[in-house]
């Protein structure tokens, strides 16, 4: 016989939702009950289909109304820095597409993890976003008990920029070009200090890659940001540094530090006489500083799609492109300003940089 742990839709005394029922069938009566169970299964399927349709309609309606108020774009580093400049530039361009003001917030500290955690805890409604760079890949490798997962706790919206890095030296370094510079580093490794913007920063990673590529051990000097490191490079307190052009270009242009090579495979339009490291025999060296836009996990896809479309419009905005070019960086092509590309890029960065950090003896702390 048939035993009902709750009820069936056809049951006269059913007081529960059909999905809450569980049917125990006696094998003897299984044949006789087949038709009734098929009807029950059809009703459950219809109920699930209607629920899914309702959710889709709800998300679509939400996207149609979005945005109806100001959006906050978190840049988890100090105001006035290169990341802040880039974030405000994109916020301005995207708000023209979205029709609402985008306010930039700078909850800096702990390598960007404080502001990033704030976004991870925010409501997944599209009104709190995160603009972050390569640290989104490195913090999970550098910070013990990180209060979020860069992959699992965020919805990628798209890449925004990919910018080059440049290897520089103090202005009185006794080398005139990249080839002399590389030879000098190899011959004097034990005497050379290399500054960087802090553990896990892009300039720190560039320093590790530089030493690995040249098979040398330099004295690394960490700073709390790129600005104080560049100040000491200009003052001669450190010998060399590798950092993004958005930080180093003013000092290079002013003749206060020397630029020796691009930390990658291509020359820069803004510095056409500067060779790439690969041109002077440093093979396989390619690191860039990238920025990507994220929303909290669970943000409805229609909202993500609307934000991604606004980002894709921003990367081809003439004003954005001109401003980025003035600081020797560049927006990505519009087909890169999409969730799938950012998701794949982040995963690749984590997989690539992890072994480098392990080889360097750096562990989460």
Protein backbone atom coordinates (compact mmCIF):
# COMPACT_ATOMS: atom_id res chain seq x y z
CA UNK A 1 0.00 0.00 0.00
CA UNK A 2 0.97 3.67 -0.26
CA UNK A 3 2.14 5.57 2.84
CA UNK A 4 2.11 9.35 2.87
CA UNK A 5 4.69 11.05 5.04
CA UNK A 6 2.67 14.19 4.40
CA UNK A 7 0.17 14.27 1.55
CA UNK A 8 -0.50 14.37 -2.18
CA UNK A 9 -2.09 17.22 -4.10
CA UNK A 10 -5.17 15.02 -4.72
CA UNK A 11 -5.48 14.15 -1.03
CA UNK A 12 -8.56 15.54 0.67
CA UNK A 13 -6.67 16.53 3.78
CA UNK A 14 -3.54 17.97 2.17
CA UNK A 15 -2.27 20.94 4.17
CA UNK A 16 1.32 21.11 2.93
CA UNK A 17 2.93 22.22 -0.31
CA UNK A 18 3.40 19.34 -2.77
CA UNK A 19 7.18 19.79 -2.73
CA UNK A 20 7.15 19.04 1.01
CA UNK A 21 5.69 15.54 0.50
CA UNK A 22 7.49 12.24 0.49
CA UNK A 23 5.81 9.11 -0.80
CA UNK A 24 6.73 5.64 0.43
CA UNK A 25 5.51 2.98 -1.97
CA UNK A 26 4.93 -0.61 -1.01
CA UNK A 27 6.35 -2.73 -3.87
CA UNK A 28 3.13 -4.74 -4.07
CA UNK A 29 1.06 -1.69 -4.91
CA UNK A 30 3.71 0.10 -6.96
CA UNK A 31 2.08 -0.81 -10.28
CA UNK A 32 -1.35 0.44 -9.21
CA UNK A 33 0.04 3.72 -7.97
CA UNK A 34 2.16 4.57 -11.04
CA UNK A 35 -0.44 6.74 -12.74
CA UNK A 36 -1.07 8.78 -9.60
CA UNK A 37 2.65 9.31 -9.07
CA UNK A 38 3.12 10.46 -12.67
CA UNK A 39 0.40 13.06 -12.13
CA UNK A 40 2.12 14.14 -8.93
CA UNK A 41 5.50 14.42 -10.69
CA UNK A 42 3.95 16.53 -13.44
CA UNK A 43 2.51 18.90 -10.85
CA UNK A 44 5.86 19.21 -9.11
CA UNK A 45 7.57 19.95 -12.43
CA UNK A 46 4.97 22.57 -13.31
CA UNK A 47 5.39 24.16 -9.89
CA UNK A 48 9.18 24.31 -10.28
CA UNK A 49 8.89 25.73 -13.80
CA UNK A 50 6.51 28.44 -12.65
CA UNK A 51 8.82 29.31 -9.74
CA UNK A 52 11.82 29.62 -12.06
CA UNK A 53 9.81 31.78 -14.45
CA UNK A 54 8.74 34.01 -11.57
CA UNK A 55 12.35 34.41 -10.43
CA UNK A 56 13.46 35.29 -13.96
CA UNK A 57 10.67 37.84 -14.32
CA UNK A 58 11.59 39.30 -10.93
CA UNK A 59 15.28 39.63 -11.90
CA UNK A 60 14.34 41.14 -15.26
CA UNK A 61 12.04 43.66 -13.60
CA UNK A 62 14.82 44.52 -11.13
CA UNK A 63 17.24 45.14 -13.98
CA UNK A 64 14.73 47.35 -15.80
CA UNK A 65 14.46 49.58 -12.72
CA UNK A 66 18.21 49.50 -12.04
CA UNK A 67 19.78 51.82 -11.16
CA UNK A 68 17.28 53.99 -9.35
CA UNK A 69 19.75 55.64 -6.94
CA UNK A 70 23.43 56.39 -6.46
CA UNK A 71 25.98 53.59 -6.87
CA UNK A 72 29.09 53.25 -4.71
CA UNK A 73 32.30 52.10 -6.41
CA UNK A 74 34.87 50.99 -3.85
CA UNK A 75 38.56 51.50 -4.60
CA UNK A 76 40.30 49.87 -1.60
CA UNK A 77 43.40 52.07 -1.77
CA UNK A 78 44.13 55.65 -0.77
CA UNK A 79 42.59 58.57 -2.63
CA UNK A 80 44.88 60.31 -5.09
CA UNK A 81 46.85 57.25 -6.13
CA UNK A 82 46.89 55.68 -9.61
CA UNK A 83 44.08 53.26 -8.77
CA UNK A 84 41.93 56.08 -7.47
CA UNK A 85 42.51 58.13 -10.62
CA UNK A 86 41.51 55.19 -12.83
CA UNK A 87 38.46 54.36 -10.70
CA UNK A 88 37.13 57.92 -10.78
CA UNK A 89 37.66 58.08 -14.52
CA UNK A 90 35.57 54.96 -15.08
CA UNK A 91 32.96 55.98 -12.52
CA UNK A 92 32.44 59.23 -14.41
CA UNK A 93 32.16 57.48 -17.78
CA UNK A 94 29.85 54.70 -16.55
CA UNK A 95 27.44 57.03 -14.80
CA UNK A 96 26.75 58.67 -18.17
CA UNK A 97 25.60 55.26 -19.42
CA UNK A 98 23.65 54.30 -16.29
CA UNK A 99 21.98 57.63 -15.60
CA UNK A 100 22.90 57.68 -11.90
CA UNK A 101 25.79 59.16 -9.93
CA UNK A 102 28.61 56.77 -9.04
CA UNK A 103 30.35 57.73 -5.80
CA UNK A 104 33.93 56.51 -5.24
CA UNK A 105 34.74 55.24 -1.74
CA UNK A 106 38.31 54.61 -0.51
CA UNK A 107 38.30 52.31 2.55
CA UNK A 108 42.06 51.69 2.34
CA UNK A 109 44.22 49.35 4.40
CA UNK A 110 45.55 45.80 4.75
CA UNK A 111 46.63 45.53 1.14
CA UNK A 112 43.17 46.41 -0.12
CA UNK A 113 41.49 43.60 1.82
CA UNK A 114 39.48 45.91 4.11
CA UNK A 115 37.60 47.60 1.28
CA UNK A 116 37.30 44.35 -0.65
CA UNK A 117 35.74 42.58 2.35
CA UNK A 118 33.29 45.48 2.68
CA UNK A 119 32.04 44.83 -0.86
CA UNK A 120 31.86 41.07 -0.27
CA UNK A 121 29.51 41.71 2.68
CA UNK A 122 27.34 44.19 0.77
CA UNK A 123 23.87 43.48 -0.59
CA UNK A 124 24.00 41.87 -4.06
CA UNK A 125 21.84 44.55 -5.64
CA UNK A 126 24.30 46.33 -7.93
CA UNK A 127 24.65 49.39 -5.72
CA UNK A 128 28.06 48.51 -4.25
CA UNK A 129 30.85 47.66 -6.69
CA UNK A 130 34.57 46.96 -6.41
CA UNK A 131 37.31 48.28 -8.68
CA UNK A 132 40.54 46.48 -7.83
CA UNK A 133 43.83 45.54 -9.43
CA UNK A 134 46.25 42.61 -9.32
CA UNK A 135 46.03 42.47 -5.51
CA UNK A 136 42.72 40.64 -5.95
CA UNK A 137 44.83 37.72 -7.15
CA UNK A 138 47.72 38.10 -4.70
CA UNK A 139 45.92 38.76 -1.40
CA UNK A 140 44.59 35.22 -1.30
CA UNK A 141 48.22 34.07 -1.56
CA UNK A 142 49.62 36.62 0.91
CA UNK A 143 47.07 37.10 3.69
CA UNK A 144 46.25 34.32 6.13
CA UNK A 145 42.54 33.92 6.96
CA UNK A 146 41.48 36.34 4.25
CA UNK A 147 37.82 37.15 5.11
CA UNK A 148 36.59 36.54 1.56
CA UNK A 149 37.30 34.44 -1.50
CA UNK A 150 38.26 36.48 -4.58
CA UNK A 151 36.59 33.89 -6.80
CA UNK A 152 33.63 32.63 -4.78
CA UNK A 153 32.43 35.88 -3.15
CA UNK A 154 32.25 38.14 -6.21
CA UNK A 155 30.56 38.39 -9.59
CA UNK A 156 33.00 39.60 -12.25
CA UNK A 157 31.77 42.46 -14.45
CA UNK A 158 34.78 42.93 -16.70
CA UNK A 159 38.36 44.09 -17.11
CA UNK A 160 38.89 47.85 -17.31
CA UNK A 161 42.58 48.51 -17.96
CA UNK A 162 45.84 46.66 -18.47
CA UNK A 163 48.89 48.85 -17.97
CA UNK A 164 52.63 48.33 -18.32
CA UNK A 165 55.33 48.47 -15.68
CA UNK A 166 58.77 50.02 -16.07
CA UNK A 167 62.13 49.16 -14.51
CA UNK A 168 63.77 52.34 -13.24
CA UNK A 169 66.89 53.43 -11.36
CA UNK A 170 68.22 56.39 -9.41
CA UNK A 171 69.39 59.18 -11.69
CA UNK A 172 73.08 58.77 -10.82
CA UNK A 173 73.18 55.03 -11.47
CA UNK A 174 76.31 54.48 -13.61
CA UNK A 175 74.56 52.84 -16.58
CA UNK A 176 73.28 54.57 -19.69
CA UNK A 177 71.01 51.94 -21.30
CA UNK A 178 69.16 48.68 -20.67
CA UNK A 179 72.03 46.35 -21.65
CA UNK A 180 74.48 48.11 -19.36
CA UNK A 181 71.85 48.15 -16.64
CA UNK A 182 71.30 44.37 -16.78
CA UNK A 183 75.05 43.71 -16.75
CA UNK A 184 75.49 46.09 -13.80
CA UNK A 185 72.73 44.35 -11.82
CA UNK A 186 74.31 40.92 -12.37
CA UNK A 187 77.79 42.14 -11.41
CA UNK A 188 76.69 44.06 -8.30
CA UNK A 189 73.64 42.13 -7.06
CA UNK A 190 74.76 41.94 -3.43
CA UNK A 191 75.10 45.74 -3.25
CA UNK A 192 71.83 46.71 -4.95
CA UNK A 193 68.62 47.67 -3.17
CA UNK A 194 65.29 47.41 -4.94
CA UNK A 195 62.29 49.23 -3.52
CA UNK A 196 58.64 48.26 -3.93
CA UNK A 197 55.21 49.48 -2.87
CA UNK A 198 54.59 46.79 -0.26
CA UNK A 199 54.33 43.02 0.14
CA UNK A 200 52.00 41.63 -2.51
CA UNK A 201 51.91 44.82 -4.57
CA UNK A 202 52.45 44.73 -8.32
CA UNK A 203 55.88 46.33 -7.88
CA UNK A 204 56.79 43.64 -5.34
CA UNK A 205 55.77 40.92 -7.78
CA UNK A 206 57.76 42.62 -10.52
CA UNK A 207 60.78 42.67 -8.21
CA UNK A 208 60.46 38.93 -7.55
CA UNK A 209 60.10 38.20 -11.27
CA UNK A 210 63.09 40.43 -12.05
CA UNK A 211 65.35 38.60 -9.59
CA UNK A 212 64.10 35.23 -10.80
CA UNK A 213 64.66 36.09 -14.46
CA UNK A 214 68.21 37.37 -13.84
CA UNK A 215 68.95 34.66 -11.23
CA UNK A 216 70.16 37.23 -8.70
CA UNK A 217 69.40 38.08 -5.09
CA UNK A 218 68.84 41.78 -4.41
CA UNK A 219 67.99 43.57 -1.17
CA UNK A 220 64.26 44.26 -1.35
CA UNK A 221 62.99 47.30 0.53
CA UNK A 222 59.21 47.42 1.15
CA UNK A 223 57.32 50.73 1.44
CA UNK A 224 53.77 51.65 2.31
CA UNK A 225 52.80 52.53 -1.24
CA UNK A 226 54.50 53.55 -4.46
CA UNK A 227 54.84 57.25 -3.65
CA UNK A 228 57.29 56.96 -0.72
CA UNK A 229 59.31 54.35 -2.64
CA UNK A 230 59.63 56.65 -5.66
CA UNK A 231 60.56 59.55 -3.35
CA UNK A 232 63.44 57.50 -1.95
CA UNK A 233 64.46 56.43 -5.45
CA UNK A 234 64.63 60.09 -6.46
CA UNK A 235 66.63 60.82 -3.33
CA UNK A 236 69.08 57.96 -3.96
CA UNK A 237 68.16 55.98 -0.82
CA UNK A 238 67.38 52.94 -3.00
CA UNK A 239 68.94 51.94 -6.31
CA UNK A 240 66.20 50.55 -8.53
CA UNK A 241 62.46 49.94 -8.67
CA UNK A 242 59.83 48.40 -10.92
CA UNK A 243 56.38 49.98 -10.88
CA UNK A 244 53.48 50.98 -13.10
CA UNK A 245 53.84 53.92 -15.44
CA UNK A 246 50.98 55.75 -13.73
CA UNK A 247 53.29 56.10 -10.70
CA UNK A 248 56.70 56.49 -12.36
CA UNK A 249 56.05 58.57 -15.47
CA UNK A 250 56.10 62.02 -13.80
CA UNK A 251 59.51 61.31 -12.24
CA UNK A 252 60.81 59.82 -15.51
CA UNK A 253 59.59 62.79 -17.55
CA UNK A 254 61.12 65.21 -15.04
CA UNK A 255 64.52 63.52 -15.24
CA UNK A 256 64.46 62.69 -11.54
CA UNK A 257 64.87 58.94 -12.15
CA UNK A 258 66.13 56.88 -15.09
CA UNK A 259 63.89 54.53 -17.06
CA UNK A 260 65.66 51.45 -18.42
CA UNK A 261 63.09 49.00 -19.80
CA UNK A 262 59.45 48.02 -20.03
CA UNK A 263 58.68 45.03 -17.82
CA UNK A 264 57.05 43.14 -20.66
CA UNK A 265 57.29 42.22 -24.32
CA UNK A 266 56.26 45.45 -26.07
CA UNK A 267 57.42 49.04 -26.15
CA UNK A 268 55.15 51.83 -24.97
CA UNK A 269 53.67 54.48 -27.28
CA UNK A 270 54.43 57.11 -24.62
CA UNK A 271 58.06 55.95 -24.23
CA UNK A 272 58.96 54.67 -27.71
CA UNK A 273 62.73 54.69 -27.13
CA UNK A 274 62.46 52.46 -24.07
CA UNK A 275 63.09 48.78 -24.96
CA UNK A 276 61.16 45.86 -23.53
CA UNK A 277 63.15 43.60 -21.21
CA UNK A 278 62.71 40.77 -23.70
CA UNK A 279 64.64 42.85 -26.25
CA UNK A 280 67.74 42.86 -24.06
CA UNK A 281 67.80 39.14 -23.35
CA UNK A 282 65.49 38.84 -20.33
CA UNK A 283 63.25 36.14 -21.73
CA UNK A 284 59.69 35.37 -20.67
CA UNK A 285 59.37 38.52 -18.57
CA UNK A 286 55.88 39.98 -18.77
CA UNK A 287 53.94 41.57 -15.93
CA UNK A 288 51.25 44.23 -16.09
CA UNK A 289 48.99 46.06 -13.70
CA UNK A 290 45.32 45.41 -14.43
CA UNK A 291 42.08 46.73 -12.99
CA UNK A 292 38.81 44.82 -12.95
CA UNK A 293 35.27 45.60 -11.82
CA UNK A 294 33.29 43.29 -9.51
CA UNK A 295 29.94 43.07 -7.72
CA UNK A 296 29.02 40.97 -4.65
CA UNK A 297 28.21 37.31 -5.25
CA UNK A 298 24.55 36.75 -6.08
CA UNK A 299 24.02 40.01 -7.95
CA UNK A 300 21.35 39.18 -10.58
CA UNK A 301 22.69 38.49 -14.05
CA UNK A 302 20.53 41.18 -15.73
CA UNK A 303 22.19 43.78 -13.48
CA UNK A 304 25.65 42.36 -14.18
CA UNK A 305 24.87 42.54 -17.90
CA UNK A 306 23.80 46.17 -17.61
CA UNK A 307 26.97 47.07 -15.69
CA UNK A 308 29.16 45.19 -18.15
CA UNK A 309 27.55 47.07 -21.05
CA UNK A 310 28.28 50.38 -19.30
CA UNK A 311 31.89 49.30 -18.72
CA UNK A 312 32.27 48.25 -22.38
CA UNK A 313 31.04 51.71 -23.40
CA UNK A 314 33.50 53.35 -20.99
CA UNK A 315 36.58 51.58 -22.39
CA UNK A 316 35.95 53.12 -25.81
CA UNK A 317 34.98 56.56 -24.48
CA UNK A 318 37.39 59.09 -26.13
CA UNK A 319 37.83 61.01 -22.88
CA UNK A 320 38.72 57.84 -20.98
CA UNK A 321 41.16 56.69 -23.63
CA UNK A 322 42.88 60.08 -23.81
CA UNK A 323 43.26 60.36 -20.04
CA UNK A 324 44.63 56.82 -19.73
CA UNK A 325 47.09 57.46 -22.55
CA UNK A 326 48.34 60.55 -20.74
CA UNK A 327 49.44 58.33 -17.84
CA UNK A 328 50.84 55.64 -20.20
CA UNK A 329 48.22 53.00 -19.58
CA UNK A 330 45.31 51.82 -21.71
CA UNK A 331 41.74 50.61 -21.53
CA UNK A 332 41.09 47.04 -22.63
CA UNK A 333 39.24 46.31 -25.88
CA UNK A 334 35.45 46.16 -25.34
CA UNK A 335 35.37 42.38 -25.77
CA UNK A 336 37.57 42.13 -22.66
CA UNK A 337 35.21 44.23 -20.54
CA UNK A 338 32.97 41.21 -19.91
CA UNK A 339 32.52 38.80 -16.97
CA UNK A 340 34.02 35.71 -18.64
CA UNK A 341 37.29 37.45 -19.52
CA UNK A 342 37.79 38.85 -16.01
CA UNK A 343 36.92 35.49 -14.42
CA UNK A 344 39.50 33.69 -16.59
CA UNK A 345 42.12 36.42 -16.09
CA UNK A 346 41.85 36.29 -12.28
CA UNK A 347 42.11 32.50 -12.24
CA UNK A 348 45.18 32.61 -14.47
CA UNK A 349 46.88 35.26 -12.33
CA UNK A 350 46.37 33.21 -9.15
CA UNK A 351 47.75 30.09 -10.82
CA UNK A 352 50.73 31.97 -12.30
CA UNK A 353 51.74 34.07 -9.30
CA UNK A 354 51.28 31.34 -6.68
CA UNK A 355 54.38 29.33 -7.67
CA UNK A 356 56.44 32.54 -7.90
CA UNK A 357 55.56 33.52 -4.33
CA UNK A 358 56.20 30.01 -3.04
CA UNK A 359 59.60 29.92 -4.78
CA UNK A 360 60.44 33.24 -3.15
CA UNK A 361 59.71 31.80 0.29
CA UNK A 362 56.73 34.08 0.90
CA UNK A 363 53.87 32.56 2.89
CA UNK A 364 50.55 34.03 4.06
CA UNK A 365 50.78 36.03 7.28
